[in-house]
């Protein structure tokens, strides 16, 4: 393609990387990869003329570690990954570095091409009117709900037991024991099987207290006991790179006393009775008594962390809540129930109030304008991008190896 060559080995390597990430396609994946490379070459040539496009080492390293962690979850150890790619880890990292840099540049360049594309409400309405209903997005059943949580009190002696256990483990590490081995043996976190290692993460991806302690550590250093929303930790810094840090941690959680659990049940029963007897409003009760700091200042309203809205698709609601909400009517309050918290350990007694509920339906401008806007704008940008590719294809000489002659490309690359 001009003076830029796409090697068969490039296609094969990208094919393996996509397989390692669990990606599939309905067509011929290698043909699709080749066409993506052809488009990327056009974008890279244009990007070379644009001084505003840049790629930082931090961007590349963060994405590289994310992909390597994904490979480990799907394939196994680093040695297993080397066997899969038939390369050593240094070669794999080098290939990923080049691939990621190109992807970031092409994404930025594609954004430049379509940055001026907008959509007006009138265009969205016309799009809905002119589009066959079968091609409009479907919006799954959605709901909004509020909650009040009462979490059992943890006795101070149990907190002290956990802290002392972690201090003893830290002393063993300082005396020469492996932190990773200690994590496998004692940590209650999901990363225990990986020696407590979390992989490269930014501060915003971590619990604030954990992040503050972790980013103040030097390589190999172990923190004092840190309390987070997930429990109590000791943290070891593995490596800092590009604004992110790879840490190991050992997590321990205090055990819930059965008597305290009974006390939490009595407290939430009392709260529900006061609401039923109209001695207190739901909003006031949530503010005064709920243990959930994220929802209590907002009348107990639960926020969907996937999109930061108050609406949940039914499948996004935690199963224990979904089961309770399924048969409730809007405006009604549930009976108290025990809800485990698999992320933070332990659990709480909970009551929920159903605020809104809609059935699965074809998106309409009245209820789902943003969904329709996003789809229309995405299609409009795709049309602009495709036209840009066609315009620039004619300016470039392309020769494709005969072994790819049967590929059904979206564009006619060979002139």
Protein backbone atom coordinates (compact mmCIF):
# COMPACT_ATOMS: atom_id res chain seq x y z
CA UNK A 1 0.00 0.00 0.00
CA UNK A 2 2.12 2.92 -1.27
CA UNK A 3 5.40 2.62 0.62
CA UNK A 4 3.67 0.98 3.61
CA UNK A 5 3.75 -2.79 3.79
CA UNK A 6 1.31 -4.97 5.72
CA UNK A 7 2.95 -8.32 6.39
CA UNK A 8 1.06 -11.60 6.63
CA UNK A 9 2.74 -12.04 10.00
CA UNK A 10 1.12 -8.76 11.14
CA UNK A 11 -2.30 -10.18 10.28
CA UNK A 12 -1.51 -13.50 11.98
CA UNK A 13 -0.26 -11.77 15.13
CA UNK A 14 -3.35 -9.56 15.34
CA UNK A 15 -5.50 -12.64 14.80
CA UNK A 16 -3.87 -14.33 17.81
CA UNK A 17 -4.27 -11.20 19.94
CA UNK A 18 -7.99 -11.05 19.14
CA UNK A 19 -8.38 -14.74 19.93
CA UNK A 20 -6.58 -14.21 23.24
CA UNK A 21 -9.12 -11.49 24.11
CA UNK A 22 -12.03 -13.81 23.26
CA UNK A 23 -13.12 -11.73 20.26
CA UNK A 24 -15.18 -13.38 17.51
CA UNK A 25 -16.72 -12.34 14.20
CA UNK A 26 -19.41 -13.63 11.85
CA UNK A 27 -17.15 -13.27 8.80
CA UNK A 28 -13.56 -14.18 7.94
CA UNK A 29 -11.61 -12.62 10.80
CA UNK A 30 -8.30 -12.49 8.92
CA UNK A 31 -9.92 -10.67 5.98
CA UNK A 32 -11.49 -8.21 8.39
CA UNK A 33 -8.13 -7.66 10.13
CA UNK A 34 -6.45 -6.97 6.78
CA UNK A 35 -9.07 -4.36 5.87
CA UNK A 36 -8.67 -2.76 9.30
CA UNK A 37 -4.92 -2.55 8.65
CA UNK A 38 -5.54 -1.00 5.22
CA UNK A 39 -7.77 1.67 6.78
CA UNK A 40 -5.24 2.20 9.56
CA UNK A 41 -2.48 2.90 7.03
CA UNK A 42 -4.57 5.68 5.48
CA UNK A 43 -5.32 7.12 8.91
CA UNK A 44 -1.67 6.89 10.03
CA UNK A 45 -0.49 8.72 6.91
CA UNK A 46 -2.96 11.55 7.57
CA UNK A 47 -2.11 11.61 11.29
CA UNK A 48 1.57 12.14 10.46
CA UNK A 49 0.58 15.58 9.12
CA UNK A 50 -1.40 16.51 12.26
CA UNK A 51 0.75 17.86 15.09
CA UNK A 52 -2.13 17.72 17.60
CA UNK A 53 -2.21 13.93 17.63
CA UNK A 54 0.08 12.34 20.18
CA UNK A 55 0.42 9.11 22.13
CA UNK A 56 1.92 8.98 25.62
CA UNK A 57 3.83 6.08 27.15
CA UNK A 58 1.32 6.13 29.99
CA UNK A 59 -1.58 5.49 27.60
CA UNK A 60 0.28 2.62 25.95
CA UNK A 61 1.52 1.01 29.15
CA UNK A 62 -1.87 1.18 30.82
CA UNK A 63 -3.61 -0.48 27.87
CA UNK A 64 -0.82 -3.04 27.53
CA UNK A 65 -1.15 -4.16 31.14
CA UNK A 66 -4.94 -4.33 30.78
CA UNK A 67 -4.58 -6.64 27.77
CA UNK A 68 -1.92 -8.80 29.40
CA UNK A 69 -4.16 -9.21 32.44
CA UNK A 70 -6.99 -10.25 30.11
CA UNK A 71 -4.65 -12.78 28.48
CA UNK A 72 -3.74 -14.19 31.90
CA UNK A 73 -7.42 -14.58 32.79
CA UNK A 74 -8.18 -16.40 29.52
CA UNK A 75 -4.95 -18.30 28.83
CA UNK A 76 -3.09 -18.73 32.14
CA UNK A 77 0.43 -17.90 33.26
CA UNK A 78 2.94 -15.81 31.32
CA UNK A 79 4.54 -19.06 30.18
CA UNK A 80 1.18 -20.23 28.80
CA UNK A 81 0.83 -16.90 26.98
CA UNK A 82 4.30 -17.34 25.44
CA UNK A 83 3.31 -20.79 24.16
CA UNK A 84 0.07 -19.45 22.70
CA UNK A 85 1.80 -16.66 20.75
CA UNK A 86 4.99 -18.67 20.07
CA UNK A 87 6.98 -15.66 21.30
CA UNK A 88 8.74 -14.71 24.51
CA UNK A 89 7.16 -12.07 26.74
CA UNK A 90 9.53 -9.35 25.53
CA UNK A 91 8.46 -9.97 21.91
CA UNK A 92 4.78 -10.02 22.90
CA UNK A 93 5.14 -6.69 24.70
CA UNK A 94 6.94 -5.20 21.69
CA UNK A 95 4.18 -6.35 19.34
CA UNK A 96 1.50 -5.02 21.68
CA UNK A 97 3.32 -1.69 22.01
CA UNK A 98 3.28 -1.15 18.24
CA UNK A 99 -0.31 -2.35 17.91
CA UNK A 100 -1.61 -0.17 20.75
CA UNK A 101 0.21 2.96 19.55
CA UNK A 102 -1.29 2.53 16.08
CA UNK A 103 -4.77 1.98 17.52
CA UNK A 104 -4.59 5.11 19.69
CA UNK A 105 -3.40 7.22 16.74
CA UNK A 106 -6.09 5.88 14.40
CA UNK A 107 -8.80 6.38 17.03
CA UNK A 108 -7.69 10.00 17.48
CA UNK A 109 -7.53 10.54 13.71
CA UNK A 110 -10.97 9.02 13.22
CA UNK A 111 -12.26 11.35 15.91
CA UNK A 112 -10.75 14.30 14.03
CA UNK A 113 -12.53 13.26 10.84
CA UNK A 114 -15.92 13.14 12.54
CA UNK A 115 -15.51 15.79 15.25
CA UNK A 116 -17.74 18.29 13.45
CA UNK A 117 -20.63 15.86 12.99
CA UNK A 118 -23.69 16.78 15.04
CA UNK A 119 -27.37 15.84 15.18
CA UNK A 120 -30.39 18.03 15.85
CA UNK A 121 -33.64 16.93 17.53
CA UNK A 122 -35.41 17.42 14.18
CA UNK A 123 -32.96 15.07 12.49
CA UNK A 124 -33.46 12.46 15.20
CA UNK A 125 -37.25 12.65 14.85
CA UNK A 126 -36.98 12.35 11.05
CA UNK A 127 -34.60 9.40 11.48
CA UNK A 128 -37.13 7.62 13.70
CA UNK A 129 -39.95 8.36 11.25
CA UNK A 130 -37.99 7.14 8.19
CA UNK A 131 -36.38 4.07 9.78
CA UNK A 132 -38.05 0.66 9.79
CA UNK A 133 -39.04 -0.23 13.35
CA UNK A 134 -37.02 -3.45 13.16
CA UNK A 135 -33.85 -1.37 12.77
CA UNK A 136 -34.51 0.90 15.73
CA UNK A 137 -32.83 -0.02 19.03
CA UNK A 138 -34.75 -2.01 21.59
CA UNK A 139 -34.69 -0.81 25.16
CA UNK A 140 -34.86 -3.61 27.68
CA UNK A 141 -37.11 -3.50 30.70
CA UNK A 142 -35.79 -0.83 33.04
CA UNK A 143 -36.43 0.25 36.58
CA UNK A 144 -35.40 2.76 39.21
CA UNK A 145 -35.35 1.96 42.91
CA UNK A 146 -34.38 3.32 46.28
CA UNK A 147 -32.99 1.47 49.28
CA UNK A 148 -32.32 1.70 52.98
CA UNK A 149 -29.55 -0.49 54.36
CA UNK A 150 -28.78 -1.36 57.97
CA UNK A 151 -25.38 -3.00 58.36
CA UNK A 152 -24.52 -4.97 61.53
CA UNK A 153 -22.11 -3.16 63.84
CA UNK A 154 -18.65 -4.73 63.97
CA UNK A 155 -17.29 -4.95 67.54
CA UNK A 156 -14.03 -3.08 68.10
CA UNK A 157 -12.35 -6.25 69.40
CA UNK A 158 -13.00 -7.93 66.03
CA UNK A 159 -11.50 -4.96 64.18
CA UNK A 160 -8.44 -5.15 66.44
CA UNK A 161 -8.11 -8.88 65.72
CA UNK A 162 -8.02 -8.24 61.97
CA UNK A 163 -5.55 -5.35 62.29
CA UNK A 164 -3.22 -7.40 64.50
CA UNK A 165 -3.32 -10.30 62.02
CA UNK A 166 -2.32 -7.98 59.19
CA UNK A 167 0.46 -6.40 61.28
CA UNK A 168 1.86 -9.87 62.01
CA UNK A 169 1.81 -10.73 58.30
CA UNK A 170 3.60 -7.46 57.47
CA UNK A 171 6.28 -8.37 60.04
CA UNK A 172 6.73 -11.78 58.39
CA UNK A 173 7.16 -10.10 54.99
CA UNK A 174 9.73 -7.68 56.42
CA UNK A 175 11.54 -10.71 57.88
CA UNK A 176 11.81 -12.28 54.41
CA UNK A 177 8.52 -14.05 53.67
CA UNK A 178 7.02 -13.59 50.20
CA UNK A 179 4.14 -11.09 50.14
CA UNK A 180 2.57 -13.00 47.23
CA UNK A 181 2.68 -16.26 49.19
CA UNK A 182 1.13 -14.59 52.23
CA UNK A 183 -1.63 -13.23 49.99
CA UNK A 184 -2.42 -16.70 48.64
CA UNK A 185 -2.58 -18.06 52.19
CA UNK A 186 -4.45 -15.29 54.01
CA UNK A 187 -6.10 -12.72 51.73
CA UNK A 188 -9.89 -12.76 51.48
CA UNK A 189 -9.89 -10.76 48.23
CA UNK A 190 -10.50 -12.23 44.74
CA UNK A 191 -6.89 -11.44 43.77
CA UNK A 192 -5.55 -13.90 46.39
CA UNK A 193 -5.00 -16.65 43.79
CA UNK A 194 -2.81 -14.21 41.85
CA UNK A 195 -0.64 -13.43 44.87
CA UNK A 196 -2.77 -10.40 45.68
CA UNK A 197 -1.65 -8.63 42.51
CA UNK A 198 -4.17 -6.22 40.94
CA UNK A 199 -2.32 -5.16 37.79
CA UNK A 200 -1.78 -1.57 36.66
CA UNK A 201 -4.61 0.70 37.79
CA UNK A 202 -5.07 4.46 38.09
CA UNK A 203 -6.13 6.22 41.28
CA UNK A 204 -9.67 6.60 40.00
CA UNK A 205 -10.00 2.84 39.59
CA UNK A 206 -9.19 2.14 43.23
CA UNK A 207 -10.90 2.81 46.54
CA UNK A 208 -9.79 6.35 47.58
CA UNK A 209 -8.18 5.24 50.86
CA UNK A 210 -6.42 2.35 49.12
CA UNK A 211 -5.18 4.62 46.32
CA UNK A 212 -3.84 7.27 48.71
CA UNK A 213 -1.83 4.70 50.66
CA UNK A 214 -0.66 2.76 47.60
CA UNK A 215 0.63 5.71 45.55
CA UNK A 216 2.74 6.90 48.49
CA UNK A 217 4.70 3.63 48.51
CA UNK A 218 8.00 2.97 46.79
CA UNK A 219 8.67 -0.24 44.85
CA UNK A 220 8.71 -3.22 47.23
CA UNK A 221 7.51 -1.16 50.21
CA UNK A 222 4.61 -2.46 52.34
CA UNK A 223 2.01 -0.13 53.85
CA UNK A 224 0.63 -0.03 57.35
CA UNK A 225 -2.93 -1.33 57.79
CA UNK A 226 -5.34 0.57 55.54
CA UNK A 227 -9.11 0.68 55.97
CA UNK A 228 -11.20 0.87 52.80
CA UNK A 229 -14.84 0.24 51.91
CA UNK A 230 -13.83 -3.38 51.22
CA UNK A 231 -12.19 -4.15 54.55
CA UNK A 232 -8.65 -3.85 55.91
CA UNK A 233 -5.49 -4.21 53.81
CA UNK A 234 -1.76 -4.17 53.78
CA UNK A 235 -0.45 -3.10 50.38
CA UNK A 236 2.82 -3.73 48.57
CA UNK A 237 3.92 -1.56 45.67
CA UNK A 238 5.11 -3.64 42.71
CA UNK A 239 5.72 -0.91 40.12
CA UNK A 240 4.57 2.57 39.09
CA UNK A 241 4.31 3.43 35.43
CA UNK A 242 2.65 6.24 33.52
CA UNK A 243 0.36 7.47 36.27
CA UNK A 244 -0.74 3.94 37.16
CA UNK A 245 0.47 1.49 39.77
CA UNK A 246 0.62 -2.28 40.03
CA UNK A 247 0.09 -3.34 43.64
CA UNK A 248 -0.36 -6.47 45.70
CA UNK A 249 -2.58 -6.51 48.74
CA UNK A 250 -3.81 -8.75 51.49
CA UNK A 251 -7.44 -8.13 52.40
CA UNK A 252 -9.09 -9.21 55.63
CA UNK A 253 -12.64 -8.51 56.77
CA UNK A 254 -14.01 -8.58 60.32
CA UNK A 255 -16.49 -11.37 61.00
CA UNK A 256 -20.12 -10.51 61.70
CA UNK A 257 -21.33 -11.38 65.19
CA UNK A 258 -24.71 -13.23 65.03
CA UNK A 259 -26.04 -11.00 67.84
CA UNK A 260 -25.14 -7.87 65.87
CA UNK A 261 -26.90 -9.33 62.83
CA UNK A 262 -30.03 -9.86 64.91
CA UNK A 263 -29.74 -6.27 66.15
CA UNK A 264 -29.56 -4.96 62.56
CA UNK A 265 -32.71 -6.92 61.70
CA UNK A 266 -34.54 -5.38 64.66
CA UNK A 267 -33.42 -1.87 63.67
CA UNK A 268 -34.62 -2.16 60.07
CA UNK A 269 -37.95 -3.67 61.20
CA UNK A 270 -38.39 -0.62 63.43
CA UNK A 271 -37.57 1.76 60.55
CA UNK A 272 -40.13 0.10 58.26
CA UNK A 273 -42.77 0.27 61.02
CA UNK A 274 -42.17 4.02 61.44
CA UNK A 275 -42.51 4.55 57.67
CA UNK A 276 -45.70 2.45 57.51
CA UNK A 277 -47.17 4.37 60.47
CA UNK A 278 -46.22 7.67 58.76
CA UNK A 279 -44.10 8.71 61.73
CA UNK A 280 -41.25 9.40 59.32
CA UNK A 281 -40.96 9.78 55.56
CA UNK A 282 -38.97 7.37 53.43
CA UNK A 283 -36.63 10.21 52.42
CA UNK A 284 -35.95 11.20 56.04
CA UNK A 285 -35.45 7.58 57.09
CA UNK A 286 -32.93 6.99 54.31
CA UNK A 287 -30.99 10.10 55.32
CA UNK A 288 -30.96 9.32 59.06
CA UNK A 289 -30.62 5.56 59.21
CA UNK A 290 -29.26 4.04 55.97
CA UNK A 291 -25.75 2.58 56.17
CA UNK A 292 -25.20 3.13 52.44
CA UNK A 293 -23.33 6.42 52.07
CA UNK A 294 -23.77 6.47 48.28
CA UNK A 295 -27.58 6.57 48.35
CA UNK A 296 -28.66 7.97 51.72
CA UNK A 297 -28.21 11.64 50.72
CA UNK A 298 -30.37 11.10 47.63
CA UNK A 299 -33.52 9.68 49.25
CA UNK A 300 -31.96 6.23 48.98
CA UNK A 301 -31.87 6.36 45.16
CA UNK A 302 -29.54 3.69 43.76
CA UNK A 303 -27.19 4.79 40.95
CA UNK A 304 -26.15 2.49 38.12
CA UNK A 305 -22.34 2.54 38.18
CA UNK A 306 -22.21 1.42 34.55
CA UNK A 307 -23.66 4.68 33.21
CA UNK A 308 -24.09 6.83 36.35
CA UNK A 309 -27.85 7.13 35.75
CA UNK A 310 -30.64 5.99 38.05
CA UNK A 311 -32.00 3.55 35.45
CA UNK A 312 -31.10 -0.13 35.43
CA UNK A 313 -31.77 -2.77 32.85
CA UNK A 314 -33.31 -5.72 34.67
CA UNK A 315 -30.15 -7.77 34.01
CA UNK A 316 -27.99 -5.09 35.69
CA UNK A 317 -29.80 -5.23 39.04
CA UNK A 318 -28.07 -7.48 41.61
CA UNK A 319 -29.90 -10.86 41.66
CA UNK A 320 -30.94 -10.58 45.31
CA UNK A 321 -32.56 -7.18 44.62
CA UNK A 322 -34.00 -8.22 41.25
CA UNK A 323 -35.81 -11.14 42.85
CA UNK A 324 -37.51 -8.82 45.33
CA UNK A 325 -38.30 -6.06 42.82
CA UNK A 326 -39.69 -8.42 40.15
CA UNK A 327 -43.22 -8.63 41.57
CA UNK A 328 -43.40 -5.22 43.24
CA UNK A 329 -45.67 -2.39 42.15
CA UNK A 330 -44.39 1.16 41.63
CA UNK A 331 -44.36 3.12 44.88
CA UNK A 332 -44.42 0.05 47.13
CA UNK A 333 -41.84 -0.86 49.78
CA UNK A 334 -40.50 -4.38 50.22
CA UNK A 335 -40.21 -6.40 53.37
CA UNK A 336 -36.71 -6.38 54.92
CA UNK A 337 -34.28 -9.00 53.56
CA UNK A 338 -30.64 -9.92 54.05
CA UNK A 339 -28.40 -8.93 51.11
CA UNK A 340 -24.87 -10.26 50.76
CA UNK A 341 -22.24 -7.92 49.30
CA UNK A 342 -19.85 -10.12 47.29
CA UNK A 343 -17.54 -7.20 46.44
CA UNK A 344 -17.15 -5.85 49.95
CA UNK A 345 -17.90 -8.98 51.95
CA UNK A 346 -20.47 -9.30 54.69
CA UNK A 347 -23.87 -7.83 54.01
CA UNK A 348 -26.74 -5.73 55.28
CA UNK A 349 -30.46 -5.89 55.95
CA UNK A 350 -32.24 -3.97 53.24
CA UNK A 351 -35.61 -2.64 52.17
CA UNK A 352 -36.20 -1.35 48.64
CA UNK A 353 -38.80 0.96 47.12
CA UNK A 354 -39.70 0.66 43.42
CA UNK A 355 -39.79 4.11 41.79
CA UNK A 356 -40.34 3.40 38.07
CA UNK A 357 -40.61 0.31 35.90
CA UNK A 358 -40.92 -0.07 32.12
CA UNK A 359 -41.26 -3.15 29.92
CA UNK A 360 -38.98 -3.98 26.98
CA UNK A 361 -39.94 -1.81 23.99
CA UNK A 362 -38.73 -0.27 20.76
CA UNK A 363 -37.01 3.03 21.58
CA UNK A 364 -39.22 6.09 21.20
CA UNK A 365 -38.32 9.82 21.35
CA UNK A 366 -40.50 10.47 24.39
CA UNK A 367 -38.84 7.93 26.71
CA UNK A 368 -35.56 7.06 24.99
CA UNK A 369 -34.38 10.16 23.11
CA UNK A 370 -30.74 9.74 24.19
CA UNK A 371 -30.65 6.13 22.95
CA UNK A 372 -32.01 7.20 19.55
CA UNK A 373 -29.71 10.23 19.40
CA UNK A 374 -26.65 8.08 20.09
CA UNK A 375 -27.58 5.55 17.40
CA UNK A 376 -28.35 8.20 14.78
CA UNK A 377 -25.20 10.21 15.52
CA UNK A 378 -23.11 7.02 15.41
CA UNK A 379 -24.51 6.13 11.99
CA UNK A 380 -23.99 9.68 10.73
CA UNK A 381 -20.35 9.66 11.86
CA UNK A 382 -19.82 6.24 10.30
CA UNK A 383 -21.11 7.57 6.94
CA UNK A 384 -18.71 10.53 7.10
CA UNK A 385 -15.81 8.25 7.99
CA UNK A 386 -16.62 5.77 5.19
CA UNK A 387 -16.76 8.60 2.67
CA UNK A 388 -13.37 9.83 3.90
CA UNK A 389 -11.90 6.34 3.36
CA UNK A 390 -13.33 6.15 -0.19
CA UNK A 391 -12.00 9.61 -1.04
CA UNK A 392 -8.48 8.74 0.13
CA UNK A 393 -8.40 5.22 -1.32
CA UNK A 394 -8.33 6.67 -4.83
CA UNK A 395 -5.13 8.56 -4.05
CA UNK A 396 -3.19 5.46 -2.96
CA UNK A 397 -1.81 2.48 -4.84
CA UNK A 398 -2.76 -0.82 -3.19
CA UNK A 399 -1.68 -4.34 -4.09
CA UNK A 400 -3.09 -7.28 -2.13
CA UNK A 401 -1.53 -10.74 -2.04
CA UNK A 402 -3.50 -13.30 -4.11
CA UNK A 403 -4.04 -15.44 -1.00
CA UNK A 404 -6.55 -12.78 0.12
CA UNK A 405 -8.26 -12.55 -3.28
CA UNK A 406 -11.46 -14.17 -1.98
CA UNK A 407 -11.91 -11.67 0.84
CA UNK A 408 -15.23 -9.86 0.70
CA UNK A 409 -13.98 -6.37 1.61
CA UNK A 410 -16.36 -3.50 2.35
CA UNK A 411 -14.31 -1.35 -0.03
CA UNK A 412 -12.74 -2.04 -3.41
CA UNK A 413 -9.11 -1.56 -2.41
CA UNK A 414 -7.36 -2.65 -5.59
CA UNK A 415 -7.67 -0.25 -8.51
